[in-house]
Amino acid sequence: MQTRDVGELLLLSVLWGAAYLFMRAAVPAFGPAPLIALRMAIAVAVLLPLLMWRGGVGQLRAHPVALLVQAVPFTALPFLLLGFAAQHLTAGLLSVLNATAPLFAALLAHFVYRERLGRWRSAGLVIGFAGVALLMAGSVSFKSADGLLAVGAVLVTSALWSVGANFTRRRLGGMDNLSLTVGSLAVASLATAPLAALTWPAEPPPLRAWVETTFLGVASSGLGFLLYYRLLRRIGPVRAMSVTYLNPVVALIAGALYLGEVISWQTLAGAAVVLLGTALSLGLGRAQPPAPPR
């Protein structure tokens, strides 16, 4: 990866790492569906004028079926699952469990696209999922049915995002980054709007929750997805998804400072094992062949 790619990955890790924090903070006031629908609608409201100014609205009609597939099962559904999980897990645990996305991406690359993983990457898969088991072992958060469902929801989210990353690159690779971002978020927002209306909170959310939701829409969804799709084309789905390897650092620290979440030794140990497995599955730290000229 070039220096610019690394810098954009670091920025994206901050935007998305903070997203776990603000989702965890705002979801009690709004509920999962209203929070997600608002987050995406705000992002579209910010980015759509820019798209219109650049004359990219026409691209939204170029691949309607592929855009619908990308937006509903690979954008709206994963975020709804994360919203549900945020009601039961800390921001740090959310981010660590979601860091398994590259593990699912490596499995997909091996079993579907016949990419050879090798011993190191295969060992990374085993280590990464062992870290998830370590996080769950004996933890009070996972002894309730809701806690177990929340863990399952995050792992399903990771699997969906790994499939979605490959789908986006293969079926929507010719679409402009901004058009793809606006189109996917707009369709996802519309798809979640009916559920959001049905579950809108009876008590008006406080101003702080609105501010947190606005950050999620403008920074995490708007700018974040724009950066993600740009990286997806430049460095490929597996490396682009390595941002989930960096998110937990931001989320764990920010959760402790902003929400007062306790970082236990078990959480730190489990996070370290998950991230080690993720790093190995991505081939990080090993010599790579030089990239072809672009």
C-alpha atoms as a PDB file:
ATOM      1  CA  MET A   1       0.000   0.000   0.000  1.00  0.00           C
ATOM      2  CA  GLN A   2       1.106   3.543  -0.702  1.00  0.00           C
ATOM      3  CA  THR A   3       1.546   6.150   2.027  1.00  0.00           C
ATOM      4  CA  ARG A   4      -1.713   7.832   1.047  1.00  0.00           C
ATOM      5  CA  ASP A   5      -3.589   4.537   1.400  1.00  0.00           C
ATOM      6  CA  VAL A   6      -2.169   4.002   4.898  1.00  0.00           C
ATOM      7  CA  GLY A   7      -3.137   7.553   5.911  1.00  0.00           C
ATOM      8  CA  GLU A   8      -6.691   7.100   4.659  1.00  0.00           C
ATOM      9  CA  LEU A   9      -6.959   3.776   6.487  1.00  0.00           C
ATOM     10  CA  LEU A  10      -5.898   5.465   9.735  1.00  0.00           C
ATOM     11  CA  LEU A  11      -8.424   8.271   9.259  1.00  0.00           C
ATOM     12  CA  LEU A  12     -11.149   5.752   8.489  1.00  0.00           C
ATOM     13  CA  SER A  13     -10.249   3.784  11.623  1.00  0.00           C
ATOM     14  CA  VAL A  14     -10.813   6.917  13.732  1.00  0.00           C
ATOM     15  CA  LEU A  15     -14.167   7.686  12.069  1.00  0.00           C
ATOM     16  CA  TRP A  16     -15.420   4.122  12.326  1.00  0.00           C
ATOM     17  CA  GLY A  17     -13.870   3.426  15.730  1.00  0.00           C
ATOM     18  CA  ALA A  18     -15.703   6.446  17.137  1.00  0.00           C
ATOM     19  CA  ALA A  19     -18.881   5.207  15.442  1.00  0.00           C
ATOM     20  CA  TYR A  20     -19.103   2.249  17.841  1.00  0.00           C
ATOM     21  CA  LEU A  21     -18.843   4.688  20.708  1.00  0.00           C
ATOM     22  CA  PHE A  22     -21.580   7.055  19.514  1.00  0.00           C
ATOM     23  CA  MET A  23     -23.837   4.210  18.405  1.00  0.00           C
ATOM     24  CA  ARG A  24     -23.565   2.689  21.868  1.00  0.00           C
ATOM     25  CA  ALA A  25     -24.273   6.105  23.414  1.00  0.00           C
ATOM     26  CA  ALA A  26     -27.255   7.069  21.216  1.00  0.00           C
ATOM     27  CA  VAL A  27     -29.056   3.765  20.701  1.00  0.00           C
ATOM     28  CA  PRO A  28     -30.820   3.766  24.120  1.00  0.00           C
ATOM     29  CA  ALA A  29     -32.488   7.095  23.241  1.00  0.00           C
ATOM     30  CA  PHE A  30     -33.528   6.243  19.668  1.00  0.00           C
ATOM     31  CA  GLY A  31     -33.611   2.459  19.343  1.00  0.00           C
ATOM     32  CA  PRO A  32     -31.745   0.548  16.578  1.00  0.00           C
ATOM     33  CA  ALA A  33     -33.920   1.217  13.513  1.00  0.00           C
ATOM     34  CA  PRO A  34     -34.561   4.959  14.070  1.00  0.00           C
ATOM     35  CA  LEU A  35     -30.866   5.530  14.826  1.00  0.00           C
ATOM     36  CA  ILE A  36     -29.695   3.706  11.690  1.00  0.00           C
ATOM     37  CA  ALA A  37     -32.298   5.308   9.413  1.00  0.00           C
ATOM     38  CA  LEU A  38     -31.403   8.781  10.720  1.00  0.00           C
ATOM     39  CA  ARG A  39     -27.675   8.127  10.440  1.00  0.00           C
ATOM     40  CA  MET A  40     -27.960   7.196   6.785  1.00  0.00           C
ATOM     41  CA  ALA A  41     -30.455   9.934   5.928  1.00  0.00           C
ATOM     42  CA  ILE A  42     -28.142  12.572   7.419  1.00  0.00           C
ATOM     43  CA  ALA A  43     -25.227  11.240   5.381  1.00  0.00           C
ATOM     44  CA  VAL A  44     -27.296  11.399   2.181  1.00  0.00           C
ATOM     45  CA  ALA A  45     -28.458  14.944   2.993  1.00  0.00           C
ATOM     46  CA  VAL A  46     -24.816  16.035   3.331  1.00  0.00           C
ATOM     47  CA  LEU A  47     -23.459  14.247   0.245  1.00  0.00           C
ATOM     48  CA  LEU A  48     -26.338  14.515  -2.248  1.00  0.00           C
ATOM     49  CA  PRO A  49     -25.790  18.237  -3.037  1.00  0.00           C
ATOM     50  CA  LEU A  50     -22.129  17.466  -3.775  1.00  0.00           C
ATOM     51  CA  LEU A  51     -23.156  14.595  -6.036  1.00  0.00           C
ATOM     52  CA  MET A  52     -25.624  16.835  -7.910  1.00  0.00           C
ATOM     53  CA  TRP A  53     -22.997  19.558  -8.292  1.00  0.00           C
ATOM     54  CA  ARG A  54     -20.600  17.013  -9.800  1.00  0.00           C
ATOM     55  CA  GLY A  55     -23.284  15.706 -12.149  1.00  0.00           C
ATOM     56  CA  GLY A  56     -23.118  12.145 -10.836  1.00  0.00           C
ATOM     57  CA  VAL A  57     -26.822  11.522 -10.211  1.00  0.00           C
ATOM     58  CA  GLY A  58     -27.140   9.721 -13.548  1.00  0.00           C
ATOM     59  CA  GLN A  59     -24.847   6.955 -12.303  1.00  0.00           C
ATOM     60  CA  LEU A  60     -27.476   5.962  -9.747  1.00  0.00           C
ATOM     61  CA  ARG A  61     -29.640   4.671 -12.612  1.00  0.00           C
ATOM     62  CA  ALA A  62     -26.836   2.695 -14.270  1.00  0.00           C
ATOM     63  CA  HIS A  63     -26.870  -0.366 -11.973  1.00  0.00           C
ATOM     64  CA  PRO A  64     -30.227  -0.355 -10.136  1.00  0.00           C
ATOM     65  CA  VAL A  65     -30.365  -4.065  -9.268  1.00  0.00           C
ATOM     66  CA  ALA A  66     -26.745  -4.308  -8.105  1.00  0.00           C
ATOM     67  CA  LEU A  67     -27.140  -1.109  -6.068  1.00  0.00           C
ATOM     68  CA  LEU A  68     -30.283  -2.486  -4.418  1.00  0.00           C
ATOM     69  CA  VAL A  69     -28.487  -5.707  -3.505  1.00  0.00           C
ATOM     70  CA  GLN A  70     -25.502  -3.801  -2.156  1.00  0.00           C
ATOM     71  CA  ALA A  71     -27.653  -1.411  -0.123  1.00  0.00           C
ATOM     72  CA  VAL A  72     -30.163  -3.724   1.561  1.00  0.00           C
ATOM     73  CA  PRO A  73     -28.400  -6.965   2.621  1.00  0.00           C
ATOM     74  CA  PHE A  74     -24.882  -5.506   2.736  1.00  0.00           C
ATOM     75  CA  THR A  75     -25.561  -2.043   4.226  1.00  0.00           C
ATOM     76  CA  ALA A  76     -28.975  -1.702   5.886  1.00  0.00           C
ATOM     77  CA  LEU A  77     -29.143  -5.176   7.445  1.00  0.00           C
ATOM     78  CA  PRO A  78     -25.612  -5.161   8.946  1.00  0.00           C
ATOM     79  CA  PHE A  79     -26.170  -1.758  10.517  1.00  0.00           C
ATOM     80  CA  LEU A  80     -29.501  -2.836  12.003  1.00  0.00           C
ATOM     81  CA  LEU A  81     -27.766  -5.850  13.509  1.00  0.00           C
ATOM     82  CA  LEU A  82     -25.041  -3.613  14.950  1.00  0.00           C
ATOM     83  CA  GLY A  83     -27.696  -1.282  16.354  1.00  0.00           C
ATOM     84  CA  PHE A  84     -29.333  -4.217  18.119  1.00  0.00           C
ATOM     85  CA  ALA A  85     -25.981  -5.452  19.457  1.00  0.00           C
ATOM     86  CA  ALA A  86     -25.066  -1.958  20.715  1.00  0.00           C
ATOM     87  CA  GLN A  87     -27.903  -2.218  23.234  1.00  0.00           C
ATOM     88  CA  HIS A  88     -26.203  -5.147  24.966  1.00  0.00           C
ATOM     89  CA  LEU A  89     -22.429  -4.870  24.371  1.00  0.00           C
ATOM     90  CA  THR A  90     -19.867  -2.166  25.118  1.00  0.00           C
ATOM     91  CA  ALA A  91     -18.386  -0.094  22.305  1.00  0.00           C
ATOM     92  CA  GLY A  92     -15.055  -1.865  22.779  1.00  0.00           C
ATOM     93  CA  LEU A  93     -16.565  -5.349  22.510  1.00  0.00           C
ATOM     94  CA  LEU A  94     -18.597  -4.319  19.469  1.00  0.00           C
ATOM     95  CA  SER A  95     -15.473  -3.170  17.669  1.00  0.00           C
ATOM     96  CA  VAL A  96     -13.387  -6.208  18.652  1.00  0.00           C
ATOM     97  CA  LEU A  97     -16.045  -8.676  17.505  1.00  0.00           C
ATOM     98  CA  ASN A  98     -16.549  -6.714  14.297  1.00  0.00           C
ATOM     99  CA  ALA A  99     -12.786  -6.977  13.711  1.00  0.00           C
ATOM    100  CA  THR A 100     -13.466 -10.552  12.590  1.00  0.00           C
ATOM    101  CA  ALA A 101     -14.651  -9.205   9.207  1.00  0.00           C
ATOM    102  CA  PRO A 102     -11.255  -9.830   7.534  1.00  0.00           C
ATOM    103  CA  LEU A 103     -11.364 -13.407   8.861  1.00  0.00           C
ATOM    104  CA  PHE A 104     -14.644 -13.993   7.042  1.00  0.00           C
ATOM    105  CA  ALA A 105     -13.194 -12.246   3.983  1.00  0.00           C
ATOM    106  CA  ALA A 106     -10.257 -14.676   3.996  1.00  0.00           C
ATOM    107  CA  LEU A 107     -12.635 -17.650   4.300  1.00  0.00           C
ATOM    108  CA  LEU A 108     -14.667 -16.323   1.385  1.00  0.00           C
ATOM    109  CA  ALA A 109     -11.539 -15.805  -0.709  1.00  0.00           C
ATOM    110  CA  HIS A 110     -10.448 -19.381  -0.028  1.00  0.00           C
ATOM    111  CA  PHE A 111     -13.681 -21.339  -0.420  1.00  0.00           C
ATOM    112  CA  VAL A 112     -15.456 -19.260  -3.084  1.00  0.00           C
ATOM    113  CA  TYR A 113     -12.666 -17.659  -5.101  1.00  0.00           C
ATOM    114  CA  ARG A 114     -10.174 -20.515  -4.582  1.00  0.00           C
ATOM    115  CA  GLU A 115      -7.441 -18.257  -3.213  1.00  0.00           C
ATOM    116  CA  ARG A 116      -4.746 -20.223  -1.421  1.00  0.00           C
ATOM    117  CA  LEU A 117      -4.352 -19.028   2.167  1.00  0.00           C
ATOM    118  CA  GLY A 118      -1.181 -20.817   3.185  1.00  0.00           C
ATOM    119  CA  ARG A 119      -0.195 -21.906   6.677  1.00  0.00           C
ATOM    120  CA  TRP A 120       0.192 -18.466   8.252  1.00  0.00           C
ATOM    121  CA  ARG A 121      -3.147 -17.100   7.098  1.00  0.00           C
ATOM    122  CA  SER A 122      -4.897 -20.358   7.992  1.00  0.00           C
ATOM    123  CA  ALA A 123      -3.363 -20.175  11.471  1.00  0.00           C
ATOM    124  CA  GLY A 124      -4.621 -16.592  11.676  1.00  0.00           C
ATOM    125  CA  LEU A 125      -8.192 -17.759  11.110  1.00  0.00           C
ATOM    126  CA  VAL A 126      -7.943 -20.294  13.929  1.00  0.00           C
ATOM    127  CA  ILE A 127      -6.310 -17.780  16.288  1.00  0.00           C
ATOM    128  CA  GLY A 128      -8.811 -15.038  15.447  1.00  0.00           C
ATOM    129  CA  PHE A 129     -11.890 -17.115  16.184  1.00  0.00           C
ATOM    130  CA  ALA A 130     -10.186 -18.511  19.295  1.00  0.00           C
ATOM    131  CA  GLY A 131      -9.948 -14.896  20.458  1.00  0.00           C
ATOM    132  CA  VAL A 132     -13.721 -14.544  20.062  1.00  0.00           C
ATOM    133  CA  ALA A 133     -14.159 -17.638  22.251  1.00  0.00           C
ATOM    134  CA  LEU A 134     -11.795 -16.119  24.820  1.00  0.00           C
ATOM    135  CA  LEU A 135     -13.838 -12.921  24.889  1.00  0.00           C
ATOM    136  CA  MET A 136     -17.005 -14.896  25.548  1.00  0.00           C
ATOM    137  CA  ALA A 137     -15.608 -17.367  28.092  1.00  0.00           C
ATOM    138  CA  GLY A 138     -16.909 -16.567  31.562  1.00  0.00           C
ATOM    139  CA  SER A 139     -17.967 -13.044  30.670  1.00  0.00           C
ATOM    140  CA  VAL A 140     -21.124 -11.803  32.384  1.00  0.00           C
ATOM    141  CA  SER A 141     -22.125  -9.925  29.216  1.00  0.00           C
ATOM    142  CA  PHE A 142     -22.535 -13.194  27.326  1.00  0.00           C
ATOM    143  CA  LYS A 143     -24.444 -15.211  29.919  1.00  0.00           C
ATOM    144  CA  SER A 144     -27.850 -13.773  28.974  1.00  0.00           C
ATOM    145  CA  ALA A 145     -29.774 -14.733  25.850  1.00  0.00           C
ATOM    146  CA  ASP A 146     -29.651 -11.106  24.641  1.00  0.00           C
ATOM    147  CA  GLY A 147     -25.881 -11.039  25.081  1.00  0.00           C
ATOM    148  CA  LEU A 148     -25.435 -14.206  23.019  1.00  0.00           C
ATOM    149  CA  LEU A 149     -27.779 -12.882  20.340  1.00  0.00           C
ATOM    150  CA  ALA A 150     -25.790  -9.635  20.283  1.00  0.00           C
ATOM    151  CA  VAL A 151     -22.540 -11.536  19.711  1.00  0.00           C
ATOM    152  CA  GLY A 152     -24.169 -13.531  16.929  1.00  0.00           C
ATOM    153  CA  ALA A 153     -25.502 -10.328  15.362  1.00  0.00           C
ATOM    154  CA  VAL A 154     -22.022  -8.778  15.224  1.00  0.00           C
ATOM    155  CA  LEU A 155     -20.482 -11.928  13.729  1.00  0.00           C
ATOM    156  CA  VAL A 156     -23.234 -12.073  11.080  1.00  0.00           C
ATOM    157  CA  THR A 157     -22.524  -8.408  10.353  1.00  0.00           C
ATOM    158  CA  SER A 158     -18.848  -9.213   9.813  1.00  0.00           C
ATOM    159  CA  ALA A 159     -19.729 -12.058   7.447  1.00  0.00           C
ATOM    160  CA  LEU A 160     -22.157  -9.882   5.475  1.00  0.00           C
ATOM    161  CA  TRP A 161     -19.580  -7.110   5.106  1.00  0.00           C
ATOM    162  CA  SER A 162     -16.970  -9.552   3.818  1.00  0.00           C
ATOM    163  CA  VAL A 163     -19.383 -10.773   1.128  1.00  0.00           C
ATOM    164  CA  GLY A 164     -20.507  -7.205   0.406  1.00  0.00           C
ATOM    165  CA  ALA A 165     -16.941  -5.967  -0.096  1.00  0.00           C
ATOM    166  CA  ASN A 166     -16.333  -8.554  -2.818  1.00  0.00           C
ATOM    167  CA  PHE A 167     -19.759  -7.942  -4.386  1.00  0.00           C
ATOM    168  CA  THR A 168     -19.191  -4.179  -4.508  1.00  0.00           C
ATOM    169  CA  ARG A 169     -15.795  -4.488  -6.120  1.00  0.00           C
ATOM    170  CA  ARG A 170     -16.971  -7.005  -8.742  1.00  0.00           C
ATOM    171  CA  ARG A 171     -20.427  -5.639  -9.616  1.00  0.00           C
ATOM    172  CA  LEU A 172     -20.119  -1.905  -8.885  1.00  0.00           C
ATOM    173  CA  GLY A 173     -16.428  -1.340  -9.530  1.00  0.00           C
ATOM    174  CA  GLY A 174     -17.116   1.101 -12.369  1.00  0.00           C
ATOM    175  CA  MET A 175     -19.266   3.395 -10.266  1.00  0.00           C
ATOM    176  CA  ASP A 176     -17.923   6.690  -8.957  1.00  0.00           C
ATOM    177  CA  ASN A 177     -17.086   6.612  -5.209  1.00  0.00           C
ATOM    178  CA  LEU A 178     -19.470   9.436  -4.349  1.00  0.00           C
ATOM    179  CA  SER A 179     -22.326   8.007  -6.435  1.00  0.00           C
ATOM    180  CA  LEU A 180     -21.891   4.599  -4.837  1.00  0.00           C
ATOM    181  CA  THR A 181     -21.833   6.088  -1.339  1.00  0.00           C
ATOM    182  CA  VAL A 182     -24.933   8.245  -1.856  1.00  0.00           C
ATOM    183  CA  GLY A 183     -26.832   5.531  -3.711  1.00  0.00           C
ATOM    184  CA  SER A 184     -26.208   2.759  -1.202  1.00  0.00           C
ATOM    185  CA  LEU A 185     -26.944   4.954   1.820  1.00  0.00           C
ATOM    186  CA  ALA A 186     -30.082   6.441   0.235  1.00  0.00           C
ATOM    187  CA  VAL A 187     -31.544   3.024  -0.593  1.00  0.00           C
ATOM    188  CA  ALA A 188     -30.557   1.671   2.831  1.00  0.00           C
ATOM    189  CA  SER A 189     -32.182   4.654   4.529  1.00  0.00           C
ATOM    190  CA  LEU A 190     -35.424   4.139   2.604  1.00  0.00           C
ATOM    191  CA  ALA A 191     -35.343   0.415   3.389  1.00  0.00           C
ATOM    192  CA  THR A 192     -35.055   1.054   7.133  1.00  0.00           C
ATOM    193  CA  ALA A 193     -37.519   3.989   7.245  1.00  0.00           C
ATOM    194  CA  PRO A 194     -40.728   1.913   7.752  1.00  0.00           C
ATOM    195  CA  LEU A 195     -39.207   0.002  10.676  1.00  0.00           C
ATOM    196  CA  ALA A 196     -37.860   3.263  12.103  1.00  0.00           C
ATOM    197  CA  ALA A 197     -41.327   4.837  11.951  1.00  0.00           C
ATOM    198  CA  LEU A 198     -42.912   1.848  13.696  1.00  0.00           C
ATOM    199  CA  THR A 199     -40.331   1.856  16.513  1.00  0.00           C
ATOM    200  CA  TRP A 200     -39.838   5.628  16.958  1.00  0.00           C
ATOM    201  CA  PRO A 201     -39.284   6.371  20.687  1.00  0.00           C
ATOM    202  CA  ALA A 202     -42.218   7.693  22.697  1.00  0.00           C
ATOM    203  CA  GLU A 203     -39.908  10.006  24.675  1.00  0.00           C
ATOM    204  CA  PRO A 204     -38.116  12.694  22.613  1.00  0.00           C
ATOM    205  CA  PRO A 205     -34.361  11.907  22.440  1.00  0.00           C
ATOM    206  CA  PRO A 206     -32.130  14.442  24.257  1.00  0.00           C
ATOM    207  CA  LEU A 207     -29.922  16.944  22.438  1.00  0.00           C
ATOM    208  CA  ARG A 208     -26.776  14.929  23.196  1.00  0.00           C
ATOM    209  CA  ALA A 209     -28.217  11.899  21.368  1.00  0.00           C
ATOM    210  CA  TRP A 210     -29.028  14.079  18.346  1.00  0.00           C
ATOM    211  CA  VAL A 211     -25.457  15.407  18.281  1.00  0.00           C
ATOM    212  CA  GLU A 212     -24.063  11.874  18.477  1.00  0.00           C
ATOM    213  CA  THR A 213     -26.368  10.756  15.662  1.00  0.00           C
ATOM    214  CA  THR A 214     -25.319  13.731  13.542  1.00  0.00           C
ATOM    215  CA  PHE A 215     -21.663  12.729  13.948  1.00  0.00           C
ATOM    216  CA  LEU A 216     -22.563   9.193  12.877  1.00  0.00           C
ATOM    217  CA  GLY A 217     -24.296  10.509   9.761  1.00  0.00           C
ATOM    218  CA  VAL A 218     -21.827  13.177   8.663  1.00  0.00           C
ATOM    219  CA  ALA A 219     -18.456  11.726   9.683  1.00  0.00           C
ATOM    220  CA  SER A 220     -18.815   7.976  10.122  1.00  0.00           C
ATOM    221  CA  SER A 221     -21.314   7.232   7.334  1.00  0.00           C
ATOM    222  CA  GLY A 222     -20.806  10.128   4.914  1.00  0.00           C
ATOM    223  CA  LEU A 223     -17.056  10.674   4.913  1.00  0.00           C
ATOM    224  CA  GLY A 224     -16.339   7.152   6.198  1.00  0.00           C
ATOM    225  CA  PHE A 225     -18.082   5.286   3.384  1.00  0.00           C
ATOM    226  CA  LEU A 226     -16.595   7.637   0.819  1.00  0.00           C
ATOM    227  CA  LEU A 227     -13.118   6.749   2.076  1.00  0.00           C
ATOM    228  CA  TYR A 228     -13.971   3.040   2.316  1.00  0.00           C
ATOM    229  CA  TYR A 229     -15.193   2.687  -1.276  1.00  0.00           C
ATOM    230  CA  ARG A 230     -12.174   4.639  -2.485  1.00  0.00           C
ATOM    231  CA  LEU A 231      -9.842   2.248  -0.637  1.00  0.00           C
ATOM    232  CA  LEU A 232     -11.834  -0.765  -1.804  1.00  0.00           C
ATOM    233  CA  ARG A 233     -10.912   0.028  -5.408  1.00  0.00           C
ATOM    234  CA  ARG A 234      -7.331   1.036  -4.736  1.00  0.00           C
ATOM    235  CA  ILE A 235      -6.142  -1.752  -2.430  1.00  0.00           C
ATOM    236  CA  GLY A 236      -8.791  -4.504  -2.691  1.00  0.00           C
ATOM    237  CA  PRO A 237     -11.435  -5.858  -0.281  1.00  0.00           C
ATOM    238  CA  VAL A 238      -9.201  -7.776   2.134  1.00  0.00           C
ATOM    239  CA  ARG A 239      -6.778  -4.893   2.745  1.00  0.00           C
ATOM    240  CA  ALA A 240      -9.595  -2.325   2.819  1.00  0.00           C
ATOM    241  CA  MET A 241     -11.350  -4.363   5.491  1.00  0.00           C
ATOM    242  CA  SER A 242      -8.194  -4.284   7.594  1.00  0.00           C
ATOM    243  CA  VAL A 243      -9.620  -1.028   8.957  1.00  0.00           C
ATOM    244  CA  THR A 244     -11.574  -3.256  11.344  1.00  0.00           C
ATOM    245  CA  TYR A 245      -8.182  -4.326  12.699  1.00  0.00           C
ATOM    246  CA  LEU A 246      -7.530  -0.712  13.726  1.00  0.00           C
ATOM    247  CA  ASN A 247     -11.021   0.275  14.943  1.00  0.00           C
ATOM    248  CA  PRO A 248     -10.863  -1.516  18.327  1.00  0.00           C
ATOM    249  CA  VAL A 249      -7.954   0.613  19.521  1.00  0.00           C
ATOM    250  CA  VAL A 250     -10.025   3.755  18.980  1.00  0.00           C
ATOM    251  CA  ALA A 251     -13.257   2.255  20.324  1.00  0.00           C
ATOM    252  CA  LEU A 252     -11.742   0.749  23.494  1.00  0.00           C
ATOM    253  CA  ILE A 253      -9.976   3.970  24.503  1.00  0.00           C
ATOM    254  CA  ALA A 254     -12.851   6.262  23.523  1.00  0.00           C
ATOM    255  CA  GLY A 255     -15.399   4.034  25.264  1.00  0.00           C
ATOM    256  CA  ALA A 256     -13.428   4.202  28.490  1.00  0.00           C
ATOM    257  CA  LEU A 257     -13.009   7.994  28.288  1.00  0.00           C
ATOM    258  CA  TYR A 258     -16.453   8.994  26.974  1.00  0.00           C
ATOM    259  CA  LEU A 259     -18.756   6.359  28.500  1.00  0.00           C
ATOM    260  CA  GLY A 260     -16.671   5.145  31.405  1.00  0.00           C
ATOM    261  CA  GLU A 261     -16.632   1.580  30.081  1.00  0.00           C
ATOM    262  CA  VAL A 262     -14.403  -0.805  32.008  1.00  0.00           C
ATOM    263  CA  ILE A 263     -11.633  -2.480  30.029  1.00  0.00           C
ATOM    264  CA  SER A 264     -11.046  -5.833  31.722  1.00  0.00           C
ATOM    265  CA  TRP A 265      -7.952  -7.986  31.348  1.00  0.00           C
ATOM    266  CA  GLN A 266     -10.137 -10.585  29.637  1.00  0.00           C
ATOM    267  CA  THR A 267     -11.249  -8.005  27.076  1.00  0.00           C
ATOM    268  CA  LEU A 268      -7.657  -6.923  26.441  1.00  0.00           C
ATOM    269  CA  ALA A 269      -6.459 -10.512  26.103  1.00  0.00           C
ATOM    270  CA  GLY A 270      -9.333 -11.497  23.826  1.00  0.00           C
ATOM    271  CA  ALA A 271      -8.865  -8.372  21.717  1.00  0.00           C
ATOM    272  CA  ALA A 272      -5.142  -9.063  21.361  1.00  0.00           C
ATOM    273  CA  VAL A 273      -5.789 -12.639  20.200  1.00  0.00           C
ATOM    274  CA  VAL A 274      -8.522 -11.560  17.738  1.00  0.00           C
ATOM    275  CA  LEU A 275      -6.319  -8.833  16.272  1.00  0.00           C
ATOM    276  CA  LEU A 276      -3.298 -11.134  16.061  1.00  0.00           C
ATOM    277  CA  GLY A 277      -5.374 -13.663  14.142  1.00  0.00           C
ATOM    278  CA  THR A 278      -6.728 -10.911  11.910  1.00  0.00           C
ATOM    279  CA  ALA A 279      -3.230  -9.636  11.183  1.00  0.00           C
ATOM    280  CA  LEU A 280      -2.022 -13.124  10.237  1.00  0.00           C
ATOM    281  CA  SER A 281      -5.076 -13.791   8.071  1.00  0.00           C
ATOM    282  CA  LEU A 282      -4.377 -10.557   6.187  1.00  0.00           C
ATOM    283  CA  GLY A 283      -0.736 -11.514   5.666  1.00  0.00           C
ATOM    284  CA  LEU A 284       0.438  -8.429   7.577  1.00  0.00           C
ATOM    285  CA  GLY A 285       4.030  -8.444   8.717  1.00  0.00           C
ATOM    286  CA  ARG A 286       5.172 -10.810   5.982  1.00  0.00           C
ATOM    287  CA  ALA A 287       7.054  -9.884   2.851  1.00  0.00           C
ATOM    288  CA  GLN A 288       4.711  -9.148  -0.042  1.00  0.00           C
ATOM    289  CA  PRO A 289       5.539  -9.163  -3.762  1.00  0.00           C
ATOM    290  CA  PRO A 290       5.743  -5.686  -5.268  1.00  0.00           C
ATOM    291  CA  ALA A 291       2.454  -4.359  -6.616  1.00  0.00           C
ATOM    292  CA  PRO A 292       2.177  -3.920 -10.379  1.00  0.00           C
ATOM    293  CA  PRO A 293       2.408  -0.331 -11.648  1.00  0.00           C
ATOM    294  CA  ARG A 294      -0.948   1.489 -11.795  1.00  0.00           C
END
